[in-house]
Amino acid sequence: MLAEDRHVGSVERLFHMKKAPMLGTLPPYLLSLLADASRPRVFRKGQLLLREGERPGAAYFLIEGRLHLERGGKVVGHGEPGTSLGGIGLIARAPAPVTATADSDALTLELDADSVLDLLEDNFGIVRHFLRETTGRIIDGWQRLPPGTPPAFARPFNTGATGHRDLDFVERIFYLRQVVPFERASINALAELARGLSEVHFAPGERLWSEGEAARHVVLVVAGRASCSSRGGFQLLAGPGASLGALESVAGRPRWYDALVESPLTGLSSEIEVLFDIFEDNLDMALGFLTAMSQWLLAITTQLAEAGPDEFAGFTGLDVSRIDATLEERAD
């Protein structure tokens, strides 16, 4: 039985938070800010931490005990000490993909939404770190999805551009306003971004990049299409509205697919460090981008949860090895 008044000191909080996948590589001085903002919270066996379909009000980091996770009434795994829940949904301002209950008495660290927002607003280093980790996780999750799974983060997009003339300044701003990560940015921030972009044109058959190359720039597709494929089987036809190369550039990873132009392509391109400089000067835009990426990651996590316990557990690190026979039957 856990004691309600169990003391969890600052060093122990730091130790447990460092186990969280999104936080483990934060510089110690930034991680300590998050640790100091958290508080211990005990959940008794059967108590609810997260409910599927409801927005989380806090992120939880499990110190002791065990959690039970379900989606749609089916078991998707168990959380052991080191498990973190709710953080992505909190930043995404989106419903939780699973229901989490205490499988035994559980001691957690709770980090509430207001504390997270305050820390993000005051520390661009945390924002940049979360951007890098979130986009990296999107890449990892997208590659785990069964072949042919439709993108979780796409919608119809039509600028009316033909690719035969350059966009003027106002047209660039109008285009950026339609790109999901920038749709809530201020006009001033969009104007600054528009000035930092270079218009580029590619002919059919041209290669934008090859898998394994260093990723230092992004191409926002205005008109035309590019075929993307990887040695691992990933395939995507990217058209207007696609942010080609954004994930790996923000994540600081190599290109993870070949990109080949299929039809005359017009794009707006920027070096990734230019984008980060604009983010640092326009925090609302950076937070909007982070929210959009978190929503994308949450959507992919949901798709993996629906694909079954193995895919979900492989991506999240949750334990599925000790689901008992009764629960297995329930999940079938």
C-alpha atoms as a PDB file:
ATOM      1  CA  MET A   1       0.000   0.000   0.000  1.00  0.00           C
ATOM      2  CA  LEU A   2       1.366   3.394  -1.010  1.00  0.00           C
ATOM      3  CA  ALA A   3       1.512   6.184   1.536  1.00  0.00           C
ATOM      4  CA  GLU A   4      -0.360   9.367   0.619  1.00  0.00           C
ATOM      5  CA  ASP A   5       2.352  11.486   2.172  1.00  0.00           C
ATOM      6  CA  ARG A   6       5.293   9.726   0.490  1.00  0.00           C
ATOM      7  CA  HIS A   7       7.927  12.398  -0.073  1.00  0.00           C
ATOM      8  CA  VAL A   8       9.365  12.625  -3.594  1.00  0.00           C
ATOM      9  CA  GLY A   9      12.315  15.001  -3.552  1.00  0.00           C
ATOM     10  CA  SER A  10      13.621  17.098  -6.425  1.00  0.00           C
ATOM     11  CA  VAL A  11      16.434  14.673  -7.319  1.00  0.00           C
ATOM     12  CA  GLU A  12      14.025  11.722  -7.403  1.00  0.00           C
ATOM     13  CA  ARG A  13      11.560  13.694  -9.550  1.00  0.00           C
ATOM     14  CA  LEU A  14      14.377  14.490 -11.960  1.00  0.00           C
ATOM     15  CA  PHE A  15      15.371  10.818 -12.069  1.00  0.00           C
ATOM     16  CA  HIS A  16      11.851   9.615 -12.891  1.00  0.00           C
ATOM     17  CA  MET A  17      11.135  12.301 -15.476  1.00  0.00           C
ATOM     18  CA  LYS A  18      14.361  11.499 -17.269  1.00  0.00           C
ATOM     19  CA  LYS A  19      12.876   8.058 -18.031  1.00  0.00           C
ATOM     20  CA  ALA A  20      10.117   9.631 -20.152  1.00  0.00           C
ATOM     21  CA  PRO A  21      10.858   9.269 -23.903  1.00  0.00           C
ATOM     22  CA  MET A  22      10.109  12.918 -24.696  1.00  0.00           C
ATOM     23  CA  LEU A  23      12.077  14.296 -21.744  1.00  0.00           C
ATOM     24  CA  GLY A  24      15.101  12.055 -21.343  1.00  0.00           C
ATOM     25  CA  THR A  25      17.388  14.094 -23.611  1.00  0.00           C
ATOM     26  CA  LEU A  26      16.442  17.514 -22.209  1.00  0.00           C
ATOM     27  CA  PRO A  27      19.402  19.425 -20.739  1.00  0.00           C
ATOM     28  CA  PRO A  28      19.360  18.984 -16.942  1.00  0.00           C
ATOM     29  CA  TYR A  29      18.602  22.641 -16.215  1.00  0.00           C
ATOM     30  CA  LEU A  30      15.463  22.509 -18.404  1.00  0.00           C
ATOM     31  CA  LEU A  31      14.389  19.096 -17.122  1.00  0.00           C
ATOM     32  CA  SER A  32      14.686  20.388 -13.559  1.00  0.00           C
ATOM     33  CA  LEU A  33      12.166  23.133 -14.366  1.00  0.00           C
ATOM     34  CA  LEU A  34       9.612  20.501 -15.337  1.00  0.00           C
ATOM     35  CA  ALA A  35      10.465  18.334 -12.337  1.00  0.00           C
ATOM     36  CA  ASP A  36      10.076  21.257  -9.930  1.00  0.00           C
ATOM     37  CA  ALA A  37       6.665  22.083 -11.421  1.00  0.00           C
ATOM     38  CA  SER A  38       5.347  18.540 -10.855  1.00  0.00           C
ATOM     39  CA  ARG A  39       3.760  17.137  -7.689  1.00  0.00           C
ATOM     40  CA  PRO A  40       3.337  13.585  -6.376  1.00  0.00           C
ATOM     41  CA  ARG A  41      -0.137  12.100  -6.746  1.00  0.00           C
ATOM     42  CA  VAL A  42      -1.410   8.674  -5.659  1.00  0.00           C
ATOM     43  CA  PHE A  43      -4.086   6.769  -7.587  1.00  0.00           C
ATOM     44  CA  ARG A  44      -5.726   3.878  -5.753  1.00  0.00           C
ATOM     45  CA  LYS A  45      -6.443   0.627  -7.571  1.00  0.00           C
ATOM     46  CA  GLY A  46      -9.270   1.182 -10.043  1.00  0.00           C
ATOM     47  CA  GLN A  47      -8.983   4.980 -10.090  1.00  0.00           C
ATOM     48  CA  LEU A  48      -8.984   6.717 -13.476  1.00  0.00           C
ATOM     49  CA  LEU A  49      -6.020   8.721 -14.803  1.00  0.00           C
ATOM     50  CA  LEU A  50      -7.186   9.282 -18.385  1.00  0.00           C
ATOM     51  CA  ARG A  51     -10.448   8.583 -20.159  1.00  0.00           C
ATOM     52  CA  GLU A  52     -10.529   7.797 -23.867  1.00  0.00           C
ATOM     53  CA  GLY A  53     -12.133  10.645 -25.797  1.00  0.00           C
ATOM     54  CA  GLU A  54     -11.576  13.281 -23.096  1.00  0.00           C
ATOM     55  CA  ARG A  55      -8.829  15.883 -23.079  1.00  0.00           C
ATOM     56  CA  PRO A  56      -6.239  15.262 -20.353  1.00  0.00           C
ATOM     57  CA  GLY A  57      -5.769  17.978 -17.769  1.00  0.00           C
ATOM     58  CA  ALA A  58      -2.282  16.825 -16.818  1.00  0.00           C
ATOM     59  CA  ALA A  59       0.627  14.601 -17.779  1.00  0.00           C
ATOM     60  CA  TYR A  60       1.486  11.679 -15.487  1.00  0.00           C
ATOM     61  CA  PHE A  61       4.794   9.946 -14.869  1.00  0.00           C
ATOM     62  CA  LEU A  62       4.480   6.569 -13.128  1.00  0.00           C
ATOM     63  CA  ILE A  63       6.893   6.028 -10.222  1.00  0.00           C
ATOM     64  CA  GLU A  64       5.384   2.972  -8.512  1.00  0.00           C
ATOM     65  CA  GLY A  65       2.548   0.590  -9.330  1.00  0.00           C
ATOM     66  CA  ARG A  66       0.994  -0.523 -12.612  1.00  0.00           C
ATOM     67  CA  LEU A  67      -1.525   0.948 -15.053  1.00  0.00           C
ATOM     68  CA  HIS A  68      -4.117  -0.746 -17.244  1.00  0.00           C
ATOM     69  CA  LEU A  69      -4.800   0.709 -20.703  1.00  0.00           C
ATOM     70  CA  GLU A  70      -7.757   0.114 -22.990  1.00  0.00           C
ATOM     71  CA  ARG A  71      -9.110   1.515 -26.241  1.00  0.00           C
ATOM     72  CA  GLY A  72     -12.682   0.852 -27.284  1.00  0.00           C
ATOM     73  CA  GLY A  73     -13.013  -1.656 -24.459  1.00  0.00           C
ATOM     74  CA  LYS A  74     -10.037  -3.664 -25.720  1.00  0.00           C
ATOM     75  CA  VAL A  75      -6.777  -4.020 -23.830  1.00  0.00           C
ATOM     76  CA  VAL A  76      -3.819  -2.354 -25.522  1.00  0.00           C
ATOM     77  CA  GLY A  77      -1.207  -2.773 -22.769  1.00  0.00           C
ATOM     78  CA  HIS A  78      -0.014  -2.048 -19.268  1.00  0.00           C
ATOM     79  CA  GLY A  79       2.139   0.740 -17.932  1.00  0.00           C
ATOM     80  CA  GLU A  80       5.043  -0.041 -15.631  1.00  0.00           C
ATOM     81  CA  PRO A  81       7.228   2.451 -13.695  1.00  0.00           C
ATOM     82  CA  GLY A  82       8.788   4.787 -16.233  1.00  0.00           C
ATOM     83  CA  THR A  83       5.561   5.090 -18.233  1.00  0.00           C
ATOM     84  CA  SER A  84       4.396   8.624 -19.073  1.00  0.00           C
ATOM     85  CA  LEU A  85       0.843   9.443 -20.158  1.00  0.00           C
ATOM     86  CA  GLY A  86      -1.161  12.471 -21.199  1.00  0.00           C
ATOM     87  CA  GLY A  87       1.647  14.805 -22.220  1.00  0.00           C
ATOM     88  CA  ILE A  88       1.069  14.703 -25.973  1.00  0.00           C
ATOM     89  CA  GLY A  89      -2.693  15.071 -25.593  1.00  0.00           C
ATOM     90  CA  LEU A  90      -2.160  17.981 -23.225  1.00  0.00           C
ATOM     91  CA  ILE A  91       0.002  19.869 -25.737  1.00  0.00           C
ATOM     92  CA  ALA A  92      -2.222  18.815 -28.655  1.00  0.00           C
ATOM     93  CA  ARG A  93      -5.327  19.928 -26.764  1.00  0.00           C
ATOM     94  CA  ALA A  94      -6.893  16.728 -28.045  1.00  0.00           C
ATOM     95  CA  PRO A  95      -8.755  13.744 -26.540  1.00  0.00           C
ATOM     96  CA  ALA A  96      -6.774  10.873 -25.033  1.00  0.00           C
ATOM     97  CA  PRO A  97      -6.556   7.816 -27.346  1.00  0.00           C
ATOM     98  CA  VAL A  98      -6.800   5.362 -24.440  1.00  0.00           C
ATOM     99  CA  THR A  99      -8.368   4.944 -21.021  1.00  0.00           C
ATOM    100  CA  ALA A 100      -5.809   4.513 -18.240  1.00  0.00           C
ATOM    101  CA  THR A 101      -6.720   3.181 -14.804  1.00  0.00           C
ATOM    102  CA  ALA A 102      -4.606   2.130 -11.846  1.00  0.00           C
ATOM    103  CA  ASP A 103      -4.146  -1.652 -12.010  1.00  0.00           C
ATOM    104  CA  SER A 104      -2.722  -1.432  -8.487  1.00  0.00           C
ATOM    105  CA  ASP A 105      -2.120   1.471  -6.132  1.00  0.00           C
ATOM    106  CA  ALA A 106       0.062   3.814  -8.171  1.00  0.00           C
ATOM    107  CA  LEU A 107       2.340   6.723  -7.305  1.00  0.00           C
ATOM    108  CA  THR A 108       2.785   9.288 -10.071  1.00  0.00           C
ATOM    109  CA  LEU A 109       4.218  12.692 -10.728  1.00  0.00           C
ATOM    110  CA  GLU A 110       1.498  15.017 -12.029  1.00  0.00           C
ATOM    111  CA  LEU A 111       2.315  17.982 -14.281  1.00  0.00           C
ATOM    112  CA  ASP A 112      -0.784  20.074 -14.928  1.00  0.00           C
ATOM    113  CA  ALA A 113      -1.652  21.893 -18.156  1.00  0.00           C
ATOM    114  CA  ASP A 114      -1.161  25.423 -16.824  1.00  0.00           C
ATOM    115  CA  SER A 115       2.335  24.614 -15.555  1.00  0.00           C
ATOM    116  CA  VAL A 116       3.314  23.104 -18.915  1.00  0.00           C
ATOM    117  CA  LEU A 117       2.042  26.145 -20.832  1.00  0.00           C
ATOM    118  CA  ASP A 118       3.858  28.560 -18.508  1.00  0.00           C
ATOM    119  CA  LEU A 119       7.118  26.670 -18.947  1.00  0.00           C
ATOM    120  CA  LEU A 120       6.772  26.586 -22.730  1.00  0.00           C
ATOM    121  CA  GLU A 121       6.065  30.314 -22.878  1.00  0.00           C
ATOM    122  CA  ASP A 122       9.113  31.128 -20.747  1.00  0.00           C
ATOM    123  CA  ASN A 123      11.636  28.672 -22.216  1.00  0.00           C
ATOM    124  CA  PHE A 124      12.100  28.399 -25.983  1.00  0.00           C
ATOM    125  CA  GLY A 125      14.688  25.684 -25.348  1.00  0.00           C
ATOM    126  CA  ILE A 126      11.900  23.395 -24.094  1.00  0.00           C
ATOM    127  CA  VAL A 127       9.724  24.275 -27.114  1.00  0.00           C
ATOM    128  CA  ARG A 128      12.545  23.476 -29.528  1.00  0.00           C
ATOM    129  CA  HIS A 129      13.282  20.213 -27.723  1.00  0.00           C
ATOM    130  CA  PHE A 130       9.620  19.152 -27.844  1.00  0.00           C
ATOM    131  CA  LEU A 131       9.481  20.035 -31.542  1.00  0.00           C
ATOM    132  CA  ARG A 132      12.500  17.846 -32.230  1.00  0.00           C
ATOM    133  CA  GLU A 133      11.226  14.919 -30.170  1.00  0.00           C
ATOM    134  CA  THR A 134       7.637  15.123 -31.448  1.00  0.00           C
ATOM    135  CA  THR A 135       8.603  15.199 -35.131  1.00  0.00           C
ATOM    136  CA  GLY A 136      11.049  12.348 -34.563  1.00  0.00           C
ATOM    137  CA  ARG A 137       8.298  10.279 -32.949  1.00  0.00           C
ATOM    138  CA  ILE A 138       5.995  11.005 -35.888  1.00  0.00           C
ATOM    139  CA  ILE A 139       8.616   9.565 -38.246  1.00  0.00           C
ATOM    140  CA  ASP A 140       9.004   6.467 -36.059  1.00  0.00           C
ATOM    141  CA  GLY A 141       5.251   5.958 -35.762  1.00  0.00           C
ATOM    142  CA  TRP A 142       4.461   6.592 -39.419  1.00  0.00           C
ATOM    143  CA  GLN A 143       6.954   3.914 -40.444  1.00  0.00           C
ATOM    144  CA  ARG A 144       5.240   1.404 -38.109  1.00  0.00           C
ATOM    145  CA  LEU A 145       1.819   1.822 -39.691  1.00  0.00           C
ATOM    146  CA  PRO A 146       0.634  -0.953 -42.032  1.00  0.00           C
ATOM    147  CA  PRO A 147       1.377  -0.221 -45.732  1.00  0.00           C
ATOM    148  CA  GLY A 148      -1.387   1.743 -47.388  1.00  0.00           C
ATOM    149  CA  THR A 149      -2.575   3.442 -44.188  1.00  0.00           C
ATOM    150  CA  PRO A 150      -3.802   6.927 -45.204  1.00  0.00           C
ATOM    151  CA  PRO A 151      -1.967   9.894 -43.693  1.00  0.00           C
ATOM    152  CA  ALA A 152      -3.489  10.874 -40.359  1.00  0.00           C
ATOM    153  CA  PHE A 153      -2.754  14.554 -40.869  1.00  0.00           C
ATOM    154  CA  ALA A 154      -4.024  15.641 -44.294  1.00  0.00           C
ATOM    155  CA  ARG A 155      -6.890  17.615 -45.746  1.00  0.00           C
ATOM    156  CA  PRO A 156      -7.926  19.028 -49.164  1.00  0.00           C
ATOM    157  CA  PHE A 157      -5.695  21.898 -50.206  1.00  0.00           C
ATOM    158  CA  ASN A 158      -6.051  24.155 -53.229  1.00  0.00           C
ATOM    159  CA  THR A 159      -4.135  27.383 -53.773  1.00  0.00           C
ATOM    160  CA  GLY A 160      -5.133  27.733 -57.397  1.00  0.00           C
ATOM    161  CA  ALA A 161      -1.443  28.025 -58.274  1.00  0.00           C
ATOM    162  CA  THR A 162      -0.376  26.516 -61.583  1.00  0.00           C
ATOM    163  CA  GLY A 163       3.373  26.528 -61.046  1.00  0.00           C
ATOM    164  CA  HIS A 164       3.955  28.817 -64.077  1.00  0.00           C
ATOM    165  CA  ARG A 165       4.476  32.096 -62.208  1.00  0.00           C
ATOM    166  CA  ASP A 166       5.997  33.315 -58.984  1.00  0.00           C
ATOM    167  CA  LEU A 167       3.779  34.023 -56.001  1.00  0.00           C
ATOM    168  CA  ASP A 168       3.629  37.598 -54.817  1.00  0.00           C
ATOM    169  CA  PHE A 169       4.001  38.475 -51.138  1.00  0.00           C
ATOM    170  CA  VAL A 170       0.271  38.446 -50.352  1.00  0.00           C
ATOM    171  CA  GLU A 171      -0.177  35.108 -52.131  1.00  0.00           C
ATOM    172  CA  ARG A 172       2.597  33.632 -50.025  1.00  0.00           C
ATOM    173  CA  ILE A 173       0.842  34.718 -46.831  1.00  0.00           C
ATOM    174  CA  PHE A 174      -2.470  33.322 -48.099  1.00  0.00           C
ATOM    175  CA  TYR A 175      -0.749  30.019 -48.876  1.00  0.00           C
ATOM    176  CA  LEU A 176       0.916  29.801 -45.456  1.00  0.00           C
ATOM    177  CA  ARG A 177      -2.402  30.514 -43.733  1.00  0.00           C
ATOM    178  CA  GLN A 178      -3.746  27.282 -45.259  1.00  0.00           C
ATOM    179  CA  VAL A 179      -0.841  25.105 -44.069  1.00  0.00           C
ATOM    180  CA  VAL A 180      -2.160  23.405 -40.922  1.00  0.00           C
ATOM    181  CA  PRO A 181       0.761  24.161 -38.552  1.00  0.00           C
ATOM    182  CA  PHE A 182       0.543  27.880 -39.415  1.00  0.00           C
ATOM    183  CA  GLU A 183      -3.222  28.385 -39.681  1.00  0.00           C
ATOM    184  CA  ARG A 184      -3.509  30.185 -36.324  1.00  0.00           C
ATOM    185  CA  ALA A 185      -0.349  32.270 -36.635  1.00  0.00           C
ATOM    186  CA  SER A 186      -0.595  36.045 -36.665  1.00  0.00           C
ATOM    187  CA  ILE A 187      -0.335  37.946 -39.939  1.00  0.00           C
ATOM    188  CA  ASN A 188       2.897  39.567 -38.727  1.00  0.00           C
ATOM    189  CA  ALA A 189       4.457  36.156 -38.025  1.00  0.00           C
ATOM    190  CA  LEU A 190       3.298  34.825 -41.403  1.00  0.00           C
ATOM    191  CA  ALA A 191       4.730  37.904 -43.102  1.00  0.00           C
ATOM    192  CA  GLU A 192       8.100  37.322 -41.465  1.00  0.00           C
ATOM    193  CA  LEU A 193       8.018  33.688 -42.535  1.00  0.00           C
ATOM    194  CA  ALA A 194       6.974  34.626 -46.084  1.00  0.00           C
ATOM    195  CA  ARG A 195       9.993  36.920 -46.374  1.00  0.00           C
ATOM    196  CA  GLY A 196      12.300  34.107 -45.250  1.00  0.00           C
ATOM    197  CA  LEU A 197      11.112  31.679 -47.936  1.00  0.00           C
ATOM    198  CA  SER A 198      12.602  31.242 -51.395  1.00  0.00           C
ATOM    199  CA  GLU A 199      10.444  30.139 -54.313  1.00  0.00           C
ATOM    200  CA  VAL A 200      11.770  27.010 -56.042  1.00  0.00           C
ATOM    201  CA  HIS A 201      10.762  25.152 -59.207  1.00  0.00           C
ATOM    202  CA  PHE A 202      11.467  21.546 -60.196  1.00  0.00           C
ATOM    203  CA  ALA A 203      10.842  19.640 -63.403  1.00  0.00           C
ATOM    204  CA  PRO A 204       9.380  16.102 -63.603  1.00  0.00           C
ATOM    205  CA  GLY A 205      12.054  13.515 -62.890  1.00  0.00           C
ATOM    206  CA  GLU A 206      14.163  15.797 -60.701  1.00  0.00           C
ATOM    207  CA  ARG A 207      15.209  14.390 -57.345  1.00  0.00           C
ATOM    208  CA  LEU A 208      14.660  16.621 -54.339  1.00  0.00           C
ATOM    209  CA  TRP A 209      16.802  14.374 -52.142  1.00  0.00           C
ATOM    210  CA  SER A 210      17.741  10.773 -51.451  1.00  0.00           C
ATOM    211  CA  GLU A 211      17.208   8.674 -48.358  1.00  0.00           C
ATOM    212  CA  GLY A 212      20.076   9.080 -45.884  1.00  0.00           C
ATOM    213  CA  GLU A 213      21.092  12.614 -46.920  1.00  0.00           C
ATOM    214  CA  ALA A 214      21.425  15.346 -44.296  1.00  0.00           C
ATOM    215  CA  ALA A 215      18.176  17.261 -43.809  1.00  0.00           C
ATOM    216  CA  ARG A 216      18.646  21.005 -43.559  1.00  0.00           C
ATOM    217  CA  HIS A 217      15.762  22.526 -45.508  1.00  0.00           C
ATOM    218  CA  VAL A 218      12.019  22.238 -46.055  1.00  0.00           C
ATOM    219  CA  VAL A 219       9.998  22.487 -49.266  1.00  0.00           C
ATOM    220  CA  LEU A 220       6.359  23.584 -48.886  1.00  0.00           C
ATOM    221  CA  VAL A 221       4.558  22.338 -51.996  1.00  0.00           C
ATOM    222  CA  VAL A 222       2.470  25.053 -53.676  1.00  0.00           C
ATOM    223  CA  ALA A 223       1.722  23.240 -56.956  1.00  0.00           C
ATOM    224  CA  GLY A 224       2.691  19.884 -58.463  1.00  0.00           C
ATOM    225  CA  ARG A 225       3.436  16.526 -56.896  1.00  0.00           C
ATOM    226  CA  ALA A 226       6.389  14.501 -55.639  1.00  0.00           C
ATOM    227  CA  SER A 227       6.610  10.761 -55.070  1.00  0.00           C
ATOM    228  CA  CYS A 228       8.162   9.740 -51.750  1.00  0.00           C
ATOM    229  CA  SER A 229       9.409   6.212 -51.045  1.00  0.00           C
ATOM    230  CA  SER A 230      11.838   4.501 -48.676  1.00  0.00           C
ATOM    231  CA  ARG A 231      13.741   1.232 -48.604  1.00  0.00           C
ATOM    232  CA  GLY A 232      11.544   0.222 -45.672  1.00  0.00           C
ATOM    233  CA  GLY A 233       8.392   0.326 -47.793  1.00  0.00           C
ATOM    234  CA  PHE A 234       7.072   3.805 -46.975  1.00  0.00           C
ATOM    235  CA  GLN A 235       5.234   5.424 -49.900  1.00  0.00           C
ATOM    236  CA  LEU A 236       3.434   8.747 -50.248  1.00  0.00           C
ATOM    237  CA  LEU A 237       2.345  11.027 -53.082  1.00  0.00           C
ATOM    238  CA  ALA A 238       2.825  14.576 -51.806  1.00  0.00           C
ATOM    239  CA  GLY A 239       0.847  17.430 -53.360  1.00  0.00           C
ATOM    240  CA  PRO A 240      -0.103  21.032 -52.577  1.00  0.00           C
ATOM    241  CA  GLY A 241       0.000  21.754 -48.866  1.00  0.00           C
ATOM    242  CA  ALA A 242       2.629  19.116 -48.087  1.00  0.00           C
ATOM    243  CA  SER A 243       5.614  20.211 -46.015  1.00  0.00           C
ATOM    244  CA  LEU A 244       8.247  18.033 -47.633  1.00  0.00           C
ATOM    245  CA  GLY A 245      11.250  17.375 -45.431  1.00  0.00           C
ATOM    246  CA  ALA A 246       9.831  19.243 -42.439  1.00  0.00           C
ATOM    247  CA  LEU A 247       9.702  16.281 -40.057  1.00  0.00           C
ATOM    248  CA  GLU A 248      13.295  15.156 -40.390  1.00  0.00           C
ATOM    249  CA  SER A 249      14.648  18.727 -40.633  1.00  0.00           C
ATOM    250  CA  VAL A 250      12.971  19.748 -37.374  1.00  0.00           C
ATOM    251  CA  ALA A 251      13.912  16.419 -35.753  1.00  0.00           C
ATOM    252  CA  GLY A 252      17.568  16.770 -36.806  1.00  0.00           C
ATOM    253  CA  ARG A 253      17.500  13.415 -38.593  1.00  0.00           C
ATOM    254  CA  PRO A 254      18.660  12.311 -42.064  1.00  0.00           C
ATOM    255  CA  ARG A 255      16.182  12.119 -44.928  1.00  0.00           C
ATOM    256  CA  TRP A 256      14.146   8.944 -44.450  1.00  0.00           C
ATOM    257  CA  TYR A 257      12.764   8.657 -47.983  1.00  0.00           C
ATOM    258  CA  ASP A 258      13.621   9.471 -51.594  1.00  0.00           C
ATOM    259  CA  ALA A 259      11.642  12.407 -53.024  1.00  0.00           C
ATOM    260  CA  LEU A 260      11.181  12.438 -56.825  1.00  0.00           C
ATOM    261  CA  VAL A 261       9.200  15.104 -58.714  1.00  0.00           C
ATOM    262  CA  GLU A 262       6.280  13.650 -60.693  1.00  0.00           C
ATOM    263  CA  SER A 263       4.746  16.810 -62.176  1.00  0.00           C
ATOM    264  CA  PRO A 264       6.099  20.386 -62.469  1.00  0.00           C
ATOM    265  CA  LEU A 265       6.527  21.427 -58.863  1.00  0.00           C
ATOM    266  CA  THR A 266       6.514  24.895 -57.347  1.00  0.00           C
ATOM    267  CA  GLY A 267       7.478  25.237 -53.714  1.00  0.00           C
ATOM    268  CA  LEU A 268       8.520  27.622 -51.000  1.00  0.00           C
ATOM    269  CA  SER A 269      11.772  26.589 -49.367  1.00  0.00           C
ATOM    270  CA  SER A 270      13.659  27.553 -46.231  1.00  0.00           C
ATOM    271  CA  GLU A 271      16.672  26.415 -44.281  1.00  0.00           C
ATOM    272  CA  ILE A 272      15.453  24.908 -41.016  1.00  0.00           C
ATOM    273  CA  GLU A 273      17.512  27.283 -38.863  1.00  0.00           C
ATOM    274  CA  VAL A 274      15.733  30.233 -40.483  1.00  0.00           C
ATOM    275  CA  LEU A 275      12.441  28.686 -39.396  1.00  0.00           C
ATOM    276  CA  PHE A 276      13.712  28.198 -35.841  1.00  0.00           C
ATOM    277  CA  ASP A 277      14.850  31.837 -35.699  1.00  0.00           C
ATOM    278  CA  ILE A 278      11.353  32.940 -36.735  1.00  0.00           C
ATOM    279  CA  PHE A 279       9.834  30.590 -34.135  1.00  0.00           C
ATOM    280  CA  GLU A 280      11.983  32.088 -31.394  1.00  0.00           C
ATOM    281  CA  ASP A 281      10.814  35.588 -32.349  1.00  0.00           C
ATOM    282  CA  ASN A 282       7.173  34.482 -32.674  1.00  0.00           C
ATOM    283  CA  LEU A 283       6.413  32.116 -29.821  1.00  0.00           C
ATOM    284  CA  ASP A 284       2.716  31.822 -30.679  1.00  0.00           C
ATOM    285  CA  MET A 285       3.651  30.482 -34.105  1.00  0.00           C
ATOM    286  CA  ALA A 286       6.093  28.020 -32.533  1.00  0.00           C
ATOM    287  CA  LEU A 287       3.473  26.814 -30.055  1.00  0.00           C
ATOM    288  CA  GLY A 288       0.921  26.500 -32.862  1.00  0.00           C
ATOM    289  CA  PHE A 289       3.362  24.384 -34.836  1.00  0.00           C
ATOM    290  CA  LEU A 290       4.058  22.249 -31.745  1.00  0.00           C
ATOM    291  CA  THR A 291       0.328  21.795 -31.128  1.00  0.00           C
ATOM    292  CA  ALA A 292      -0.200  20.695 -34.736  1.00  0.00           C
ATOM    293  CA  MET A 293       2.693  18.229 -34.578  1.00  0.00           C
ATOM    294  CA  SER A 294       1.392  16.858 -31.268  1.00  0.00           C
ATOM    295  CA  GLN A 295      -2.043  16.361 -32.840  1.00  0.00           C
ATOM    296  CA  TRP A 296      -0.398  14.474 -35.697  1.00  0.00           C
ATOM    297  CA  LEU A 297       1.566  12.288 -33.283  1.00  0.00           C
ATOM    298  CA  LEU A 298      -1.567  11.598 -31.265  1.00  0.00           C
ATOM    299  CA  ALA A 299      -3.442  10.616 -34.447  1.00  0.00           C
ATOM    300  CA  ILE A 300      -0.670   8.167 -35.390  1.00  0.00           C
ATOM    301  CA  THR A 301      -0.654   6.752 -31.849  1.00  0.00           C
ATOM    302  CA  THR A 302      -4.405   6.223 -32.167  1.00  0.00           C
ATOM    303  CA  GLN A 303      -3.938   4.426 -35.494  1.00  0.00           C
ATOM    304  CA  LEU A 304      -1.350   2.154 -33.898  1.00  0.00           C
ATOM    305  CA  ALA A 305      -3.661   1.453 -30.948  1.00  0.00           C
ATOM    306  CA  GLU A 306      -6.325   0.383 -33.425  1.00  0.00           C
ATOM    307  CA  ALA A 307      -3.802  -1.819 -35.245  1.00  0.00           C
ATOM    308  CA  GLY A 308      -3.401  -3.957 -32.107  1.00  0.00           C
ATOM    309  CA  PRO A 309      -1.439  -4.340 -28.862  1.00  0.00           C
ATOM    310  CA  ASP A 310       1.849  -5.348 -30.488  1.00  0.00           C
ATOM    311  CA  GLU A 311       2.132  -2.268 -32.712  1.00  0.00           C
ATOM    312  CA  PHE A 312       0.918   0.051 -29.961  1.00  0.00           C
ATOM    313  CA  ALA A 313       3.239  -1.416 -27.343  1.00  0.00           C
ATOM    314  CA  GLY A 314       6.184  -1.460 -29.729  1.00  0.00           C
ATOM    315  CA  PHE A 315       5.769   2.251 -30.329  1.00  0.00           C
ATOM    316  CA  THR A 316       4.877   3.401 -26.812  1.00  0.00           C
ATOM    317  CA  GLY A 317       7.036   0.963 -24.829  1.00  0.00           C
ATOM    318  CA  LEU A 318       4.038  -0.237 -22.810  1.00  0.00           C
ATOM    319  CA  ASP A 319       4.082  -3.779 -21.475  1.00  0.00           C
ATOM    320  CA  VAL A 320       1.789  -6.348 -23.134  1.00  0.00           C
ATOM    321  CA  SER A 321       3.591  -9.455 -21.909  1.00  0.00           C
ATOM    322  CA  ARG A 322       1.456  -9.917 -18.794  1.00  0.00           C
ATOM    323  CA  ILE A 323      -2.072  -9.495 -20.127  1.00  0.00           C
ATOM    324  CA  ASP A 324      -3.909 -12.449 -18.563  1.00  0.00           C
ATOM    325  CA  ALA A 325      -6.096 -14.896 -20.486  1.00  0.00           C
ATOM    326  CA  THR A 326      -9.372 -13.228 -19.500  1.00  0.00           C
ATOM    327  CA  LEU A 327      -8.216  -9.878 -20.788  1.00  0.00           C
ATOM    328  CA  GLU A 328      -6.867 -11.443 -23.974  1.00  0.00           C
ATOM    329  CA  GLU A 329     -10.264 -12.974 -24.649  1.00  0.00           C
ATOM    330  CA  ARG A 330     -11.884  -9.612 -24.052  1.00  0.00           C
ATOM    331  CA  ALA A 331      -9.507  -7.967 -26.534  1.00  0.00           C
ATOM    332  CA  ASP A 332     -10.272 -10.470 -29.329  1.00  0.00           C
END
